[in-house]
Amino acid sequence: TVLLDGRPVRSCLMLAVQAEGGRLETVEGLAAGGELHALQRAFHD
């Protein structure tokens, strides 16, 4: 699961060409400025 234009999608079912021009967010994009996202901290805690 990744976010495409803010909505969760199953990236294994979607062709890369279908995401053309879209804004994707992956887990690597959750942390900002070296600080974990609230969800990442909570999963750890």
All heavy atoms as atom14 arrays in JSON, in Angstrom:
{
  "sequence": "TVLLDGRPVRSCLMLAVQAEGGRLETVEGLAAGGELHALQRAFHD",
  "atom14_mask": [
    [1, 1, 1, 1, 1, 1, 1, 0, 0, 0, 0, 0, 0, 0],
    [1, 1, 1, 1, 1, 1, 1, 0, 0, 0, 0, 0, 0, 0],
    [1, 1, 1, 1, 1, 1, 1, 1, 0, 0, 0, 0, 0, 0],
    [1, 1, 1, 1, 1, 1, 1, 1, 0, 0, 0, 0, 0, 0],
    [1, 1, 1, 1, 1, 1, 1, 1, 0, 0, 0, 0, 0, 0],
    [1, 1, 1, 1, 0, 0, 0, 0, 0, 0, 0, 0, 0, 0],
    [1, 1, 1, 1, 1, 1, 1, 1, 1, 1, 1, 0, 0, 0],
    [1, 1, 1, 1, 1, 1, 1, 0, 0, 0, 0, 0, 0, 0],
    [1, 1, 1, 1, 1, 1, 1, 0, 0, 0, 0, 0, 0, 0],
    [1, 1, 1, 1, 1, 1, 1, 1, 1, 1, 1, 0, 0, 0],
    [1, 1, 1, 1, 1, 1, 0, 0, 0, 0, 0, 0, 0, 0],
    [1, 1, 1, 1, 1, 1, 0, 0, 0, 0, 0, 0, 0, 0],
    [1, 1, 1, 1, 1, 1, 1, 1, 0, 0, 0, 0, 0, 0],
    [1, 1, 1, 1, 1, 1, 1, 1, 0, 0, 0, 0, 0, 0],
    [1, 1, 1, 1, 1, 1, 1, 1, 0, 0, 0, 0, 0, 0],
    [1, 1, 1, 1, 1, 0, 0, 0, 0, 0, 0, 0, 0, 0],
    [1, 1, 1, 1, 1, 1, 1, 0, 0, 0, 0, 0, 0, 0],
    [1, 1, 1, 1, 1, 1, 1, 1, 1, 0, 0, 0, 0, 0],
    [1, 1, 1, 1, 1, 0, 0, 0, 0, 0, 0, 0, 0, 0],
    [1, 1, 1, 1, 1, 1, 1, 1, 1, 0, 0, 0, 0, 0],
    [1, 1, 1, 1, 0, 0, 0, 0, 0, 0, 0, 0, 0, 0],
    [1, 1, 1, 1, 0, 0, 0, 0, 0, 0, 0, 0, 0, 0],
    [1, 1, 1, 1, 1, 1, 1, 1, 1, 1, 1, 0, 0, 0],
    [1, 1, 1, 1, 1, 1, 1, 1, 0, 0, 0, 0, 0, 0],
    [1, 1, 1, 1, 1, 1, 1, 1, 1, 0, 0, 0, 0, 0],
    [1, 1, 1, 1, 1, 1, 1, 0, 0, 0, 0, 0, 0, 0],
    [1, 1, 1, 1, 1, 1, 1, 0, 0, 0, 0, 0, 0, 0],
    [1, 1, 1, 1, 1, 1, 1, 1, 1, 0, 0, 0, 0, 0],
    [1, 1, 1, 1, 0, 0, 0, 0, 0, 0, 0, 0, 0, 0],
    [1, 1, 1, 1, 1, 1, 1, 1, 0, 0, 0, 0, 0, 0],
    [1, 1, 1, 1, 1, 0, 0, 0, 0, 0, 0, 0, 0, 0],
    [1, 1, 1, 1, 1, 0, 0, 0, 0, 0, 0, 0, 0, 0],
    [1, 1, 1, 1, 0, 0, 0, 0, 0, 0, 0, 0, 0, 0],
    [1, 1, 1, 1, 0, 0, 0, 0, 0, 0, 0, 0, 0, 0],
    [1, 1, 1, 1, 1, 1, 1, 1, 1, 0, 0, 0, 0, 0],
    [1, 1, 1, 1, 1, 1, 1, 1, 0, 0, 0, 0, 0, 0],
    [1, 1, 1, 1, 1, 1, 1, 1, 1, 1, 0, 0, 0, 0],
    [1, 1, 1, 1, 1, 0, 0, 0, 0, 0, 0, 0, 0, 0],
    [1, 1, 1, 1, 1, 1, 1, 1, 0, 0, 0, 0, 0, 0],
    [1, 1, 1, 1, 1, 1, 1, 1, 1, 0, 0, 0, 0, 0],
    [1, 1, 1, 1, 1, 1, 1, 1, 1, 1, 1, 0, 0, 0],
    [1, 1, 1, 1, 1, 0, 0, 0, 0, 0, 0, 0, 0, 0],
    [1, 1, 1, 1, 1, 1, 1, 1, 1, 1, 1, 0, 0, 0],
    [1, 1, 1, 1, 1, 1, 1, 1, 1, 1, 0, 0, 0, 0],
    [1, 1, 1, 1, 1, 1, 1, 1, 0, 0, 0, 0, 0, 0]
  ],
  "atom14_positions": [
    [[0.82, -1.21, 0.0], [0.0, 0.0, 0.0], [0.86, 1.26, 0.0], [1.78, 1.4, 0.79], [-0.94, 0.01, 1.21], [-1.76, -1.16, 1.16], [-1.83, 1.25, 1.22], [0.0, 0.0, 0.0], [0.0, 0.0, 0.0], [0.0, 0.0, 0.0], [0.0, 0.0, 0.0], [0.0, 0.0, 0.0], [0.0, 0.0, 0.0], [0.0, 0.0, 0.0]],
    [[0.55, 2.16, -0.92], [1.14, 3.49, -0.99], [-0.01, 4.48, -1.17], [-1.15, 4.07, -1.42], [2.15, 3.63, -2.17], [3.31, 2.66, -2.01], [1.47, 3.43, -3.51], [0.0, 0.0, 0.0], [0.0, 0.0, 0.0], [0.0, 0.0, 0.0], [0.0, 0.0, 0.0], [0.0, 0.0, 0.0], [0.0, 0.0, 0.0], [0.0, 0.0, 0.0]],
    [[0.28, 5.76, -1.02], [-0.74, 6.77, -1.26], [-0.52, 7.37, -2.64], [0.59, 7.77, -2.98], [-0.68, 7.87, -0.21], [-0.89, 7.43, 1.24], [-0.84, 8.65, 2.18], [-2.18, 6.67, 1.42], [0.0, 0.0, 0.0], [0.0, 0.0, 0.0], [0.0, 0.0, 0.0], [0.0, 0.0, 0.0], [0.0, 0.0, 0.0], [0.0, 0.0, 0.0]],
    [[-1.56, 7.42, -3.43], [-1.54, 8.05, -4.74], [-2.56, 9.18, -4.69], [-3.75, 8.93, -4.46], [-1.9, 7.07, -5.85], [-2.03, 7.65, -7.26], [-0.73, 8.27, -7.73], [-2.49, 6.57, -8.23], [0.0, 0.0, 0.0], [0.0, 0.0, 0.0], [0.0, 0.0, 0.0], [0.0, 0.0, 0.0], [0.0, 0.0, 0.0], [0.0, 0.0, 0.0]],
    [[-2.07, 10.4, -4.83], [-2.91, 11.58, -4.7], [-3.7, 11.55, -3.39], [-4.88, 11.89, -3.35], [-3.84, 11.73, -5.92], [-3.07, 11.96, -7.2], [-1.97, 12.59, -7.13], [-3.51, 11.51, -8.27], [0.0, 0.0, 0.0], [0.0, 0.0, 0.0], [0.0, 0.0, 0.0], [0.0, 0.0, 0.0], [0.0, 0.0, 0.0], [0.0, 0.0, 0.0]],
    [[-3.02, 11.08, -2.33], [-3.58, 11.08, -0.99], [-4.43, 9.88, -0.64], [-4.86, 9.75, 0.5], [0.0, 0.0, 0.0], [0.0, 0.0, 0.0], [0.0, 0.0, 0.0], [0.0, 0.0, 0.0], [0.0, 0.0, 0.0], [0.0, 0.0, 0.0], [0.0, 0.0, 0.0], [0.0, 0.0, 0.0], [0.0, 0.0, 0.0], [0.0, 0.0, 0.0]],
    [[-4.66, 8.99, -1.58], [-5.53, 7.85, -1.32], [-4.73, 6.54, -1.37], [-3.9, 6.36, -2.25], [-6.65, 7.82, -2.33], [-7.47, 9.13, -2.32], [-8.71, 9.06, -3.13], [-9.64, 8.05, -2.69], [-10.57, 8.23, -1.74], [-10.68, 9.38, -1.15], [-11.39, 7.25, -1.42], [0.0, 0.0, 0.0], [0.0, 0.0, 0.0], [0.0, 0.0, 0.0]],
    [[-5.02, 5.62, -0.46], [-4.3, 4.34, -0.46], [-4.63, 3.51, -1.71], [-5.79, 3.43, -2.12], [-4.83, 3.62, 0.79], [-5.47, 4.67, 1.62], [-5.94, 5.73, 0.67], [0.0, 0.0, 0.0], [0.0, 0.0, 0.0], [0.0, 0.0, 0.0], [0.0, 0.0, 0.0], [0.0, 0.0, 0.0], [0.0, 0.0, 0.0], [0.0, 0.0, 0.0]],
    [[-3.58, 2.95, -2.31], [-3.73, 2.04, -3.44], [-2.8, 0.85, -3.23], [-1.77, 0.95, -2.57], [-3.42, 2.71, -4.8], [-4.38, 3.84, -5.1], [-1.98, 3.18, -4.88], [0.0, 0.0, 0.0], [0.0, 0.0, 0.0], [0.0, 0.0, 0.0], [0.0, 0.0, 0.0], [0.0, 0.0, 0.0], [0.0, 0.0, 0.0], [0.0, 0.0, 0.0]],
    [[-3.19, -0.27, -3.79], [-2.35, -1.46, -3.79], [-1.42, -1.35, -5.0], [-1.83, -1.54, -6.13], [-3.2, -2.72, -3.92], [-4.26, -2.87, -2.87], [-3.67, -3.3, -1.55], [-4.68, -4.0, -0.79], [-4.9, -3.8, 0.48], [-4.18, -2.93, 1.15], [-5.83, -4.48, 1.11], [0.0, 0.0, 0.0], [0.0, 0.0, 0.0], [0.0, 0.0, 0.0]],
    [[-0.17, -1.07, -4.73], [0.77, -0.82, -5.84], [1.13, -2.08, -6.61], [1.65, -1.98, -7.72], [2.02, -0.12, -5.32], [2.74, -0.94, -4.43], [0.0, 0.0, 0.0], [0.0, 0.0, 0.0], [0.0, 0.0, 0.0], [0.0, 0.0, 0.0], [0.0, 0.0, 0.0], [0.0, 0.0, 0.0], [0.0, 0.0, 0.0], [0.0, 0.0, 0.0]],
    [[0.81, -3.26, -6.08], [1.08, -4.49, -6.82], [0.02, -4.73, -7.89], [0.24, -5.5, -8.82], [1.18, -5.7, -5.89], [-0.4, -6.29, -5.24], [0.0, 0.0, 0.0], [0.0, 0.0, 0.0], [0.0, 0.0, 0.0], [0.0, 0.0, 0.0], [0.0, 0.0, 0.0], [0.0, 0.0, 0.0], [0.0, 0.0, 0.0], [0.0, 0.0, 0.0]],
    [[-1.13, -4.08, -7.76], [-2.21, -4.26, -8.72], [-2.27, -3.16, -9.76], [-3.04, -3.25, -10.71], [-3.57, -4.3, -8.0], [-3.81, -5.47, -7.07], [-5.17, -5.35, -6.42], [-3.66, -6.8, -7.8], [0.0, 0.0, 0.0], [0.0, 0.0, 0.0], [0.0, 0.0, 0.0], [0.0, 0.0, 0.0], [0.0, 0.0, 0.0], [0.0, 0.0, 0.0]],
    [[-1.49, -2.13, -9.56], [-1.54, -0.96, -10.42], [-0.3, -0.94, -11.31], [0.81, -1.19, -10.85], [-1.58, 0.29, -9.54], [-1.69, 1.55, -10.27], [-1.92, 2.87, -9.07], [-2.75, 4.01, -10.1], [0.0, 0.0, 0.0], [0.0, 0.0, 0.0], [0.0, 0.0, 0.0], [0.0, 0.0, 0.0], [0.0, 0.0, 0.0], [0.0, 0.0, 0.0]],
    [[-0.49, -0.62, -12.56], [0.65, -0.46, -13.44], [1.29, 0.89, -13.2], [0.59, 1.87, -12.91], [0.22, -0.6, -14.9], [-0.35, -1.95, -15.3], [-0.88, -1.9, -16.73], [0.67, -3.06, -15.13], [0.0, 0.0, 0.0], [0.0, 0.0, 0.0], [0.0, 0.0, 0.0], [0.0, 0.0, 0.0], [0.0, 0.0, 0.0], [0.0, 0.0, 0.0]],
    [[2.59, 0.96, -13.34], [3.3, 2.22, -13.14], [2.76, 3.3, -14.07], [2.61, 4.45, -13.67], [4.8, 2.03, -13.34], [0.0, 0.0, 0.0], [0.0, 0.0, 0.0], [0.0, 0.0, 0.0], [0.0, 0.0, 0.0], [0.0, 0.0, 0.0], [0.0, 0.0, 0.0], [0.0, 0.0, 0.0], [0.0, 0.0, 0.0], [0.0, 0.0, 0.0]],
    [[2.43, 2.94, -15.31], [1.92, 3.93, -16.26], [0.59, 4.52, -15.8], [0.26, 5.64, -16.16], [1.79, 3.37, -17.69], [3.16, 3.01, -18.26], [0.85, 2.19, -17.75], [0.0, 0.0, 0.0], [0.0, 0.0, 0.0], [0.0, 0.0, 0.0], [0.0, 0.0, 0.0], [0.0, 0.0, 0.0], [0.0, 0.0, 0.0], [0.0, 0.0, 0.0]],
    [[-0.17, 3.81, -14.98], [-1.43, 4.33, -14.47], [-1.21, 5.45, -13.46], [-2.12, 6.23, -13.21], [-2.25, 3.22, -13.83], [-2.78, 2.2, -14.81], [-3.49, 1.08, -14.1], [-2.88, 0.27, -13.42], [-4.8, 1.05, -14.25], [0.0, 0.0, 0.0], [0.0, 0.0, 0.0], [0.0, 0.0, 0.0], [0.0, 0.0, 0.0], [0.0, 0.0, 0.0]],
    [[-0.04, 5.51, -12.87], [0.28, 6.55, -11.89], [0.9, 7.79, -12.53], [1.23, 8.74, -11.84], [1.21, 5.99, -10.82], [0.0, 0.0, 0.0], [0.0, 0.0, 0.0], [0.0, 0.0, 0.0], [0.0, 0.0, 0.0], [0.0, 0.0, 0.0], [0.0, 0.0, 0.0], [0.0, 0.0, 0.0], [0.0, 0.0, 0.0], [0.0, 0.0, 0.0]],
    [[1.02, 7.78, -13.85], [1.6, 8.9, -14.6], [1.0, 10.22, -14.13], [-0.22, 10.39, -14.07], [1.31, 8.72, -16.09], [1.56, 9.93, -16.95], [3.01, 10.14, -17.31], [3.81, 9.23, -17.08], [3.34, 11.21, -17.82], [0.0, 0.0, 0.0], [0.0, 0.0, 0.0], [0.0, 0.0, 0.0], [0.0, 0.0, 0.0], [0.0, 0.0, 0.0]],
    [[1.88, 11.14, -13.74], [1.44, 12.47, -13.31], [0.88, 12.53, -11.9], [0.54, 13.61, -11.43], [0.0, 0.0, 0.0], [0.0, 0.0, 0.0], [0.0, 0.0, 0.0], [0.0, 0.0, 0.0], [0.0, 0.0, 0.0], [0.0, 0.0, 0.0], [0.0, 0.0, 0.0], [0.0, 0.0, 0.0], [0.0, 0.0, 0.0], [0.0, 0.0, 0.0]],
    [[0.8, 11.39, -11.22], [0.26, 11.38, -9.87], [1.31, 11.71, -8.82], [2.5, 11.7, -9.09], [0.0, 0.0, 0.0], [0.0, 0.0, 0.0], [0.0, 0.0, 0.0], [0.0, 0.0, 0.0], [0.0, 0.0, 0.0], [0.0, 0.0, 0.0], [0.0, 0.0, 0.0], [0.0, 0.0, 0.0], [0.0, 0.0, 0.0], [0.0, 0.0, 0.0]],
    [[0.83, 12.03, -7.63], [1.71, 12.31, -6.5], [1.66, 11.1, -5.58], [0.61, 10.8, -5.01], [1.28, 13.57, -5.77], [1.4, 14.81, -6.66], [1.16, 16.1, -5.93], [2.16, 16.37, -4.92], [3.39, 16.81, -5.16], [3.78, 17.01, -6.39], [4.22, 17.07, -4.18], [0.0, 0.0, 0.0], [0.0, 0.0, 0.0], [0.0, 0.0, 0.0]],
    [[2.8, 10.46, -5.44], [2.91, 9.26, -4.62], [3.55, 9.56, -3.29], [4.43, 10.42, -3.2], [3.76, 8.21, -5.35], [3.14, 7.62, -6.59], [4.2, 7.0, -7.47], [2.09, 6.6, -6.2], [0.0, 0.0, 0.0], [0.0, 0.0, 0.0], [0.0, 0.0, 0.0], [0.0, 0.0, 0.0], [0.0, 0.0, 0.0], [0.0, 0.0, 0.0]],
    [[3.13, 8.83, -2.28], [3.82, 8.88, -1.0], [4.04, 7.45, -0.55], [3.12, 6.64, -0.53], [3.01, 9.64, 0.04], [3.78, 9.84, 1.33], [3.04, 10.69, 2.34], [1.98, 11.24, 2.02], [3.55, 10.8, 3.47], [0.0, 0.0, 0.0], [0.0, 0.0, 0.0], [0.0, 0.0, 0.0], [0.0, 0.0, 0.0], [0.0, 0.0, 0.0]],
    [[5.29, 7.15, -0.23], [5.65, 5.83, 0.27], [6.07, 5.99, 1.73], [6.19, 7.1, 2.24], [6.82, 5.24, -0.54], [8.0, 6.0, -0.29], [6.51, 5.21, -2.04], [0.0, 0.0, 0.0], [0.0, 0.0, 0.0], [0.0, 0.0, 0.0], [0.0, 0.0, 0.0], [0.0, 0.0, 0.0], [0.0, 0.0, 0.0], [0.0, 0.0, 0.0]],
    [[6.33, 4.88, 2.37], [6.7, 4.92, 3.78], [7.95, 5.77, 4.0], [8.09, 6.42, 5.04], [6.85, 3.5, 4.36], [8.07, 2.79, 3.79], [6.83, 3.51, 5.87], [0.0, 0.0, 0.0], [0.0, 0.0, 0.0], [0.0, 0.0, 0.0], [0.0, 0.0, 0.0], [0.0, 0.0, 0.0], [0.0, 0.0, 0.0], [0.0, 0.0, 0.0]],
    [[8.83, 5.83, 3.0], [10.03, 6.66, 3.13], [9.69, 8.14, 3.26], [10.48, 8.91, 3.79], [10.95, 6.46, 1.91], [11.6, 5.11, 1.82], [10.81, 4.1, 0.99], [9.62, 4.35, 0.72], [11.39, 3.07, 0.64], [0.0, 0.0, 0.0], [0.0, 0.0, 0.0], [0.0, 0.0, 0.0], [0.0, 0.0, 0.0], [0.0, 0.0, 0.0]],
    [[8.52, 8.54, 2.78], [8.12, 9.93, 2.83], [7.39, 10.35, 4.1], [7.08, 11.53, 4.27], [0.0, 0.0, 0.0], [0.0, 0.0, 0.0], [0.0, 0.0, 0.0], [0.0, 0.0, 0.0], [0.0, 0.0, 0.0], [0.0, 0.0, 0.0], [0.0, 0.0, 0.0], [0.0, 0.0, 0.0], [0.0, 0.0, 0.0], [0.0, 0.0, 0.0]],
    [[7.1, 9.42, 4.99], [6.38, 9.78, 6.22], [7.23, 10.62, 7.16], [6.76, 11.61, 7.71], [5.9, 8.53, 6.96], [4.62, 7.87, 6.47], [4.28, 6.68, 7.34], [3.47, 8.85, 6.42], [0.0, 0.0, 0.0], [0.0, 0.0, 0.0], [0.0, 0.0, 0.0], [0.0, 0.0, 0.0], [0.0, 0.0, 0.0], [0.0, 0.0, 0.0]],
    [[8.44, 10.21, 7.4], [9.32, 10.96, 8.31], [9.7, 12.28, 7.66], [9.92, 12.35, 6.45], [10.57, 10.15, 8.63], [0.0, 0.0, 0.0], [0.0, 0.0, 0.0], [0.0, 0.0, 0.0], [0.0, 0.0, 0.0], [0.0, 0.0, 0.0], [0.0, 0.0, 0.0], [0.0, 0.0, 0.0], [0.0, 0.0, 0.0], [0.0, 0.0, 0.0]],
    [[9.74, 13.33, 8.46], [10.09, 14.65, 7.92], [11.16, 15.29, 8.78], [11.08, 15.27, 10.02], [8.85, 15.55, 7.87], [0.0, 0.0, 0.0], [0.0, 0.0, 0.0], [0.0, 0.0, 0.0], [0.0, 0.0, 0.0], [0.0, 0.0, 0.0], [0.0, 0.0, 0.0], [0.0, 0.0, 0.0], [0.0, 0.0, 0.0], [0.0, 0.0, 0.0]],
    [[12.16, 15.85, 8.14], [13.21, 16.56, 8.86], [13.94, 15.69, 9.88], [14.33, 16.17, 10.93], [0.0, 0.0, 0.0], [0.0, 0.0, 0.0], [0.0, 0.0, 0.0], [0.0, 0.0, 0.0], [0.0, 0.0, 0.0], [0.0, 0.0, 0.0], [0.0, 0.0, 0.0], [0.0, 0.0, 0.0], [0.0, 0.0, 0.0], [0.0, 0.0, 0.0]],
    [[14.08, 14.42, 9.57], [14.79, 13.52, 10.47], [13.96, 13.05, 11.66], [14.46, 12.31, 12.51], [0.0, 0.0, 0.0], [0.0, 0.0, 0.0], [0.0, 0.0, 0.0], [0.0, 0.0, 0.0], [0.0, 0.0, 0.0], [0.0, 0.0, 0.0], [0.0, 0.0, 0.0], [0.0, 0.0, 0.0], [0.0, 0.0, 0.0], [0.0, 0.0, 0.0]],
    [[12.7, 13.46, 11.72], [11.84, 13.04, 12.83], [10.77, 12.08, 12.32], [10.13, 12.34, 11.3], [11.16, 14.27, 13.47], [10.35, 13.89, 14.7], [9.75, 15.1, 15.39], [10.33, 16.19, 15.3], [8.69, 14.93, 16.0], [0.0, 0.0, 0.0], [0.0, 0.0, 0.0], [0.0, 0.0, 0.0], [0.0, 0.0, 0.0], [0.0, 0.0, 0.0]],
    [[10.6, 10.99, 13.04], [9.58, 10.02, 12.66], [8.19, 10.63, 12.72], [7.92, 11.5, 13.55], [9.63, 8.8, 13.58], [10.88, 7.93, 13.51], [10.79, 6.79, 14.51], [11.09, 7.39, 12.1], [0.0, 0.0, 0.0], [0.0, 0.0, 0.0], [0.0, 0.0, 0.0], [0.0, 0.0, 0.0], [0.0, 0.0, 0.0], [0.0, 0.0, 0.0]],
    [[7.33, 10.17, 11.87], [5.92, 10.56, 11.88], [5.27, 9.97, 13.13], [5.73, 8.96, 13.69], [5.26, 10.0, 10.61], [3.85, 10.44, 10.41], [2.8, 9.81, 11.02], [3.32, 11.42, 9.65], [1.67, 10.39, 10.65], [1.97, 11.38, 9.82], [0.0, 0.0, 0.0], [0.0, 0.0, 0.0], [0.0, 0.0, 0.0], [0.0, 0.0, 0.0]],
    [[4.19, 10.58, 13.58], [3.47, 10.11, 14.77], [3.1, 8.63, 14.64], [3.18, 7.88, 15.63], [2.21, 10.95, 14.99], [0.0, 0.0, 0.0], [0.0, 0.0, 0.0], [0.0, 0.0, 0.0], [0.0, 0.0, 0.0], [0.0, 0.0, 0.0], [0.0, 0.0, 0.0], [0.0, 0.0, 0.0], [0.0, 0.0, 0.0], [0.0, 0.0, 0.0]],
    [[2.72, 8.19, 13.46], [2.38, 6.78, 13.26], [3.6, 5.88, 13.46], [3.5, 4.83, 14.08], [1.78, 6.56, 11.87], [0.33, 6.94, 11.71], [-0.04, 7.07, 10.24], [-0.58, 5.93, 12.41], [0.0, 0.0, 0.0], [0.0, 0.0, 0.0], [0.0, 0.0, 0.0], [0.0, 0.0, 0.0], [0.0, 0.0, 0.0], [0.0, 0.0, 0.0]],
    [[4.73, 6.29, 12.93], [5.95, 5.48, 13.08], [6.34, 5.37, 14.55], [6.71, 4.29, 15.02], [7.08, 6.08, 12.25], [6.82, 5.98, 10.75], [7.79, 6.81, 9.94], [7.99, 8.01, 10.22], [8.38, 6.2, 8.93], [0.0, 0.0, 0.0], [0.0, 0.0, 0.0], [0.0, 0.0, 0.0], [0.0, 0.0, 0.0], [0.0, 0.0, 0.0]],
    [[6.27, 6.48, 15.27], [6.59, 6.45, 16.71], [5.62, 5.54, 17.46], [6.03, 4.75, 18.31], [6.56, 7.87, 17.29], [7.74, 8.73, 16.9], [7.79, 10.03, 17.71], [6.6, 10.84, 17.58], [6.4, 11.73, 16.6], [7.32, 11.9, 15.67], [5.29, 12.43, 16.56], [0.0, 0.0, 0.0], [0.0, 0.0, 0.0], [0.0, 0.0, 0.0]],
    [[4.35, 5.68, 17.14], [3.33, 4.88, 17.83], [3.49, 3.39, 17.54], [3.31, 2.56, 18.44], [1.94, 5.36, 17.46], [0.0, 0.0, 0.0], [0.0, 0.0, 0.0], [0.0, 0.0, 0.0], [0.0, 0.0, 0.0], [0.0, 0.0, 0.0], [0.0, 0.0, 0.0], [0.0, 0.0, 0.0], [0.0, 0.0, 0.0], [0.0, 0.0, 0.0]],
    [[3.82, 3.04, 16.31], [4.04, 1.62, 15.99], [5.2, 1.08, 16.83], [5.13, -0.03, 17.35], [4.32, 1.44, 14.5], [3.1, 1.13, 13.68], [2.02, 2.01, 13.64], [3.01, -0.04, 12.95], [0.9, 1.74, 12.88], [1.88, -0.33, 12.2], [0.82, 0.56, 12.16], [0.0, 0.0, 0.0], [0.0, 0.0, 0.0], [0.0, 0.0, 0.0]],
    [[6.24, 1.87, 16.98], [7.37, 1.46, 17.81], [6.96, 1.34, 19.27], [7.21, 0.33, 19.93], [8.53, 2.45, 17.65], [9.69, 2.14, 18.52], [9.85, 2.69, 19.77], [10.76, 1.32, 18.33], [10.95, 2.22, 20.32], [11.52, 1.4, 19.46], [0.0, 0.0, 0.0], [0.0, 0.0, 0.0], [0.0, 0.0, 0.0], [0.0, 0.0, 0.0]],
    [[6.33, 2.37, 19.78], [5.97, 2.43, 21.2], [4.96, 1.37, 21.61], [4.96, 0.93, 22.76], [5.41, 3.81, 21.57], [6.46, 4.91, 21.45], [7.67, 4.6, 21.34], [6.04, 6.09, 21.42], [0.0, 0.0, 0.0], [0.0, 0.0, 0.0], [0.0, 0.0, 0.0], [0.0, 0.0, 0.0], [0.0, 0.0, 0.0], [0.0, 0.0, 0.0]]
  ]
}
